[in-house]
N, C-alpha and C. Protein backbone atom coordinates (compact mmCIF):
# COMPACT_ATOMS: atom_id res chain seq x y z
N UNK A 1 -141.28 112.74 126.15
CA UNK A 1 -141.04 111.85 127.80
C UNK A 1 -140.06 111.58 127.68
N UNK A 2 -138.93 111.51 128.56
CA UNK A 2 -137.73 110.50 128.39
C UNK A 2 -138.08 109.21 129.28
N UNK A 3 -136.79 108.60 129.74
CA UNK A 3 -136.91 107.99 130.80
C UNK A 3 -138.09 108.03 132.07
N UNK A 4 -137.27 108.99 132.57
CA UNK A 4 -138.15 109.40 134.03
C UNK A 4 -139.55 109.64 133.80
N UNK A 5 -140.38 109.39 132.73
CA UNK A 5 -140.87 110.05 132.73
C UNK A 5 -141.93 111.78 133.01
N UNK A 6 -140.27 112.57 132.66
CA UNK A 6 -140.29 114.17 133.14
C UNK A 6 -140.35 114.45 131.18
N UNK A 7 -141.03 115.59 131.13
CA UNK A 7 -140.48 116.34 130.01
C UNK A 7 -139.34 116.82 129.33
N UNK A 8 -138.64 116.54 128.66
CA UNK A 8 -137.77 117.37 128.14
C UNK A 8 -137.70 118.90 128.46
N UNK A 9 -136.71 119.47 129.33
CA UNK A 9 -137.01 120.83 129.82
C UNK A 9 -135.54 121.18 129.96
N UNK A 10 -135.29 122.96 130.34
CA UNK A 10 -134.03 123.32 130.95
C UNK A 10 -134.29 123.84 131.94
N UNK A 11 -133.35 123.90 132.97
CA UNK A 11 -133.57 124.62 134.08
C UNK A 11 -133.03 125.33 134.76
N UNK A 12 -133.20 127.05 134.64
CA UNK A 12 -131.89 127.64 134.85
C UNK A 12 -132.13 127.63 136.19
N UNK A 13 -130.91 127.33 136.82
CA UNK A 13 -130.10 126.88 137.95
C UNK A 13 -130.00 128.76 138.73
N UNK A 14 -129.00 129.19 138.01
CA UNK A 14 -128.41 130.48 138.53
C UNK A 14 -127.67 131.46 137.59
N UNK A 15 -127.88 132.61 137.23
CA UNK A 15 -127.48 133.42 136.69
C UNK A 15 -126.71 134.48 137.69
N UNK A 16 -125.59 134.88 137.57
CA UNK A 16 -125.09 135.76 138.71
C UNK A 16 -124.16 136.97 137.67
N UNK A 17 -124.31 137.92 138.29
CA UNK A 17 -123.46 139.15 137.32
C UNK A 17 -122.71 139.59 138.35
N UNK A 18 -121.46 139.45 138.30
CA UNK A 18 -120.29 140.68 139.32
C UNK A 18 -121.24 142.10 139.27
N UNK A 19 -122.11 142.71 140.82
CA UNK A 19 -122.52 143.93 140.34
C UNK A 19 -121.38 145.13 139.78
N UNK A 20 -120.44 145.01 139.66
CA UNK A 20 -119.39 145.81 138.99
C UNK A 20 -119.40 145.79 137.71
N UNK A 21 -120.22 144.54 137.00
CA UNK A 21 -120.27 144.44 135.67
C UNK A 21 -121.71 144.61 135.06
N UNK A 22 -122.65 144.32 136.28
CA UNK A 22 -124.50 144.72 135.72
C UNK A 22 -124.38 145.96 134.49
N UNK A 23 -125.06 145.71 134.11
CA UNK A 23 -126.03 146.98 133.03
C UNK A 23 -124.99 147.01 131.97
N UNK A 24 -124.56 145.66 131.35
CA UNK A 24 -123.23 145.61 130.20
C UNK A 24 -124.26 145.06 129.51
N UNK A 25 -125.30 143.83 129.68
CA UNK A 25 -125.71 143.05 128.46
C UNK A 25 -124.93 141.53 129.00
N UNK A 26 -124.24 141.13 130.03
CA UNK A 26 -124.03 140.08 130.00
C UNK A 26 -124.94 139.02 130.74
N UNK A 27 -126.13 139.09 131.31
CA UNK A 27 -126.89 138.15 131.96
C UNK A 27 -127.80 138.02 130.64
N UNK A 28 -128.04 139.22 129.59
CA UNK A 28 -129.22 139.14 128.80
C UNK A 28 -127.91 138.38 127.52
N UNK A 29 -126.85 137.97 127.68
CA UNK A 29 -126.41 137.19 126.68
C UNK A 29 -126.58 135.94 127.25
N UNK A 30 -126.11 136.07 128.24
CA UNK A 30 -125.54 134.45 128.67
C UNK A 30 -127.66 134.04 128.41
N UNK A 31 -128.69 134.58 129.07
CA UNK A 31 -130.33 134.10 128.83
C UNK A 31 -130.32 134.56 127.06
N UNK A 32 -129.85 134.73 126.15
CA UNK A 32 -130.04 134.92 124.87
C UNK A 32 -129.76 133.76 124.60
N UNK A 33 -128.20 133.46 124.76
CA UNK A 33 -128.06 131.79 124.36
C UNK A 33 -128.55 130.38 124.94
N UNK A 34 -129.21 130.54 126.00
CA UNK A 34 -129.67 129.59 126.47
C UNK A 34 -131.05 129.60 125.96
N UNK A 35 -131.83 130.34 125.69
CA UNK A 35 -133.31 130.47 124.51
C UNK A 35 -132.73 130.05 123.21
N UNK A 36 -131.82 130.24 122.55
CA UNK A 36 -131.62 129.70 121.45
C UNK A 36 -131.55 128.27 121.53
N UNK A 37 -130.74 128.01 122.28
CA UNK A 37 -130.65 126.45 122.75
C UNK A 37 -131.60 125.70 122.88
N UNK A 38 -132.66 126.36 123.69
CA UNK A 38 -133.92 125.84 124.40
C UNK A 38 -134.69 125.49 122.79
N UNK A 39 -135.15 126.98 122.20
CA UNK A 39 -135.43 127.25 121.09
C UNK A 39 -134.76 125.40 119.91
N UNK A 40 -133.80 125.58 120.01
CA UNK A 40 -133.61 124.71 118.42
C UNK A 40 -133.77 123.48 119.12
N UNK A 41 -133.69 123.09 120.27
CA UNK A 41 -134.30 121.57 120.70
C UNK A 41 -135.22 121.57 121.16
N UNK A 42 -136.28 122.91 121.23
CA UNK A 42 -137.91 122.90 121.34
C UNK A 42 -138.62 122.57 122.63
N UNK A 43 -137.75 122.23 123.36
CA UNK A 43 -137.75 122.53 124.97
C UNK A 43 -138.31 123.71 125.86
N UNK A 44 -138.94 123.60 127.05
CA UNK A 44 -139.55 124.53 127.53
C UNK A 44 -137.96 124.60 128.48
N UNK A 45 -138.47 125.74 129.41
CA UNK A 45 -137.32 126.57 130.30
C UNK A 45 -137.99 126.88 131.38
N UNK A 46 -137.66 126.73 132.38
CA UNK A 46 -138.19 126.63 133.47
C UNK A 46 -137.03 127.60 134.70
N UNK A 47 -137.46 128.16 135.63
CA UNK A 47 -136.96 128.80 136.47
C UNK A 47 -137.24 129.11 137.94
N UNK A 48 -136.86 129.78 138.91
CA UNK A 48 -137.69 129.91 140.20
C UNK A 48 -136.33 131.05 140.69
N UNK A 49 -136.75 132.44 141.10
CA UNK A 49 -136.50 133.87 141.24
C UNK A 49 -137.03 133.79 142.23
N UNK A 50 -136.24 134.77 144.07
CA UNK A 50 -136.53 135.62 144.81
C UNK A 50 -136.28 136.86 144.56
N UNK A 51 -136.28 137.33 143.45
CA UNK A 51 -135.98 139.15 143.64
C UNK A 51 -137.18 139.56 142.29
N UNK A 52 -138.08 140.12 143.02
CA UNK A 52 -139.11 140.82 142.28
C UNK A 52 -138.27 141.63 140.93
N UNK A 53 -137.32 141.81 141.78
CA UNK A 53 -136.99 142.90 140.13
C UNK A 53 -136.76 142.23 139.29
N UNK A 54 -136.37 140.87 138.89
CA UNK A 54 -136.13 139.85 137.81
C UNK A 54 -136.92 139.24 137.39
N UNK A 55 -138.27 139.32 137.91
CA UNK A 55 -139.63 138.75 137.03
C UNK A 55 -139.84 139.68 135.88
N UNK A 56 -139.60 140.94 135.60
CA UNK A 56 -140.06 141.65 134.73
C UNK A 56 -138.47 141.12 133.30
N UNK A 57 -137.28 141.43 133.98
CA UNK A 57 -136.45 140.78 133.13
C UNK A 57 -136.73 139.58 132.51
N UNK A 58 -137.32 138.25 133.09
CA UNK A 58 -137.15 137.25 132.87
C UNK A 58 -138.37 136.94 131.71
N UNK A 59 -139.33 137.55 132.05
CA UNK A 59 -140.28 137.66 130.98
C UNK A 59 -140.24 138.61 129.57
N UNK A 60 -139.30 139.23 129.68
CA UNK A 60 -138.98 140.15 128.63
C UNK A 60 -138.40 138.60 127.58
N UNK A 61 -138.21 137.86 128.05
CA UNK A 61 -137.24 136.46 127.29
C UNK A 61 -138.43 135.55 127.15
N UNK A 62 -139.72 136.01 127.23
CA UNK A 62 -141.02 135.16 127.10
C UNK A 62 -141.25 133.96 128.42
N UNK A 63 -140.99 134.01 129.40
CA UNK A 63 -141.02 133.17 130.59
C UNK A 63 -142.48 134.23 131.36
N UNK A 64 -143.25 133.08 131.56
CA UNK A 64 -144.69 133.65 132.38
C UNK A 64 -144.22 133.10 133.97
N UNK A 65 -145.37 133.74 134.82
CA UNK A 65 -145.17 133.46 135.68
C UNK A 65 -145.97 132.17 136.29
N UNK A 66 -145.54 131.08 136.73
CA UNK A 66 -146.07 129.77 137.09
C UNK A 66 -146.96 129.68 138.77
N UNK A 67 -146.24 130.06 139.24
CA UNK A 67 -146.82 130.43 140.90
C UNK A 67 -145.76 131.66 141.60
N UNK A 68 -146.86 131.12 142.58
CA UNK A 68 -145.62 132.24 143.72
C UNK A 68 -146.18 131.96 145.10
N UNK A 69 -144.81 131.89 145.54
CA UNK A 69 -145.28 131.32 146.73
C UNK A 69 -144.27 132.05 148.05
N UNK A 70 -144.73 131.71 148.79
CA UNK A 70 -143.91 132.58 150.45
C UNK A 70 -142.92 131.01 151.03
N UNK A 71 -142.33 131.56 150.88
CA UNK A 71 -140.85 130.43 151.21
C UNK A 71 -140.04 131.04 152.64
N UNK A 72 -139.79 130.00 153.91
CA UNK A 72 -138.98 130.37 154.47
C UNK A 72 -137.18 130.37 154.32
N UNK A 73 -136.63 131.52 154.64
CA UNK A 73 -135.54 131.26 154.66
C UNK A 73 -134.84 132.05 155.55
N UNK A 74 -134.06 130.76 156.51
CA UNK A 74 -133.81 131.00 157.95
C UNK A 74 -134.57 132.24 158.25
N UNK A 75 -135.90 131.69 158.56
CA UNK A 75 -136.67 132.53 159.80
C UNK A 75 -137.50 133.22 159.23
N UNK A 76 -136.87 134.19 157.71
CA UNK A 76 -137.75 134.91 157.25
C UNK A 76 -138.58 134.79 156.26
N UNK A 77 -139.30 135.74 156.17
CA UNK A 77 -140.96 135.02 154.39
C UNK A 77 -140.32 135.46 153.68
N UNK A 78 -139.84 134.90 152.44
CA UNK A 78 -139.02 135.29 150.74
C UNK A 78 -140.10 134.88 150.17
N UNK A 79 -140.72 135.46 149.48
CA UNK A 79 -141.40 135.40 147.89
C UNK A 79 -140.68 134.70 146.76
N UNK A 80 -140.82 133.60 146.41
CA UNK A 80 -140.52 133.00 145.37
C UNK A 80 -141.09 133.00 143.85
N UNK A 81 -140.92 133.30 143.13
CA UNK A 81 -141.91 132.97 141.45
C UNK A 81 -141.38 131.67 140.89
N UNK A 82 -142.32 131.05 140.65
CA UNK A 82 -141.58 130.42 139.73
C UNK A 82 -142.53 130.33 138.30
N UNK A 83 -141.31 130.51 137.24
CA UNK A 83 -141.52 130.70 135.80
C UNK A 83 -141.17 129.93 134.95
N UNK A 84 -142.12 129.55 133.82
CA UNK A 84 -141.90 128.70 132.97
C UNK A 84 -141.78 129.28 131.64
N UNK A 85 -141.07 129.10 130.31
CA UNK A 85 -141.06 129.65 129.02
C UNK A 85 -141.22 128.41 128.03
N UNK A 86 -142.29 128.32 127.72
CA UNK A 86 -143.03 127.38 127.04
C UNK A 86 -142.03 127.09 125.69
N UNK A 87 -142.12 125.57 125.18
CA UNK A 87 -141.36 125.25 124.15
C UNK A 87 -141.27 126.32 122.66
N UNK A 88 -140.38 126.76 122.13
CA UNK A 88 -141.03 127.28 120.67
C UNK A 88 -140.86 126.30 119.37
N UNK A 89 -141.54 126.55 118.66
CA UNK A 89 -140.94 125.73 117.55
C UNK A 89 -140.71 126.56 116.22
């Protein structure tokens, strides 16, 4: 644990690809780079997504659903999935 008492981890805040460029593996290349770096450092990865269609995509990189919650976004209920990829050694 670090000085803060938190485990070392990577939090993926945002991966966004211009819709005109989606389907060309750009997002996968970004995620593969992040996964390799996390693996080299032996740390877990975490993220949150509100896009159901991306849950399976993240699972293909080894992420698991940690929790699921309904959150309020401007008065609208939105499902959010918290996902974690355990540290690899």
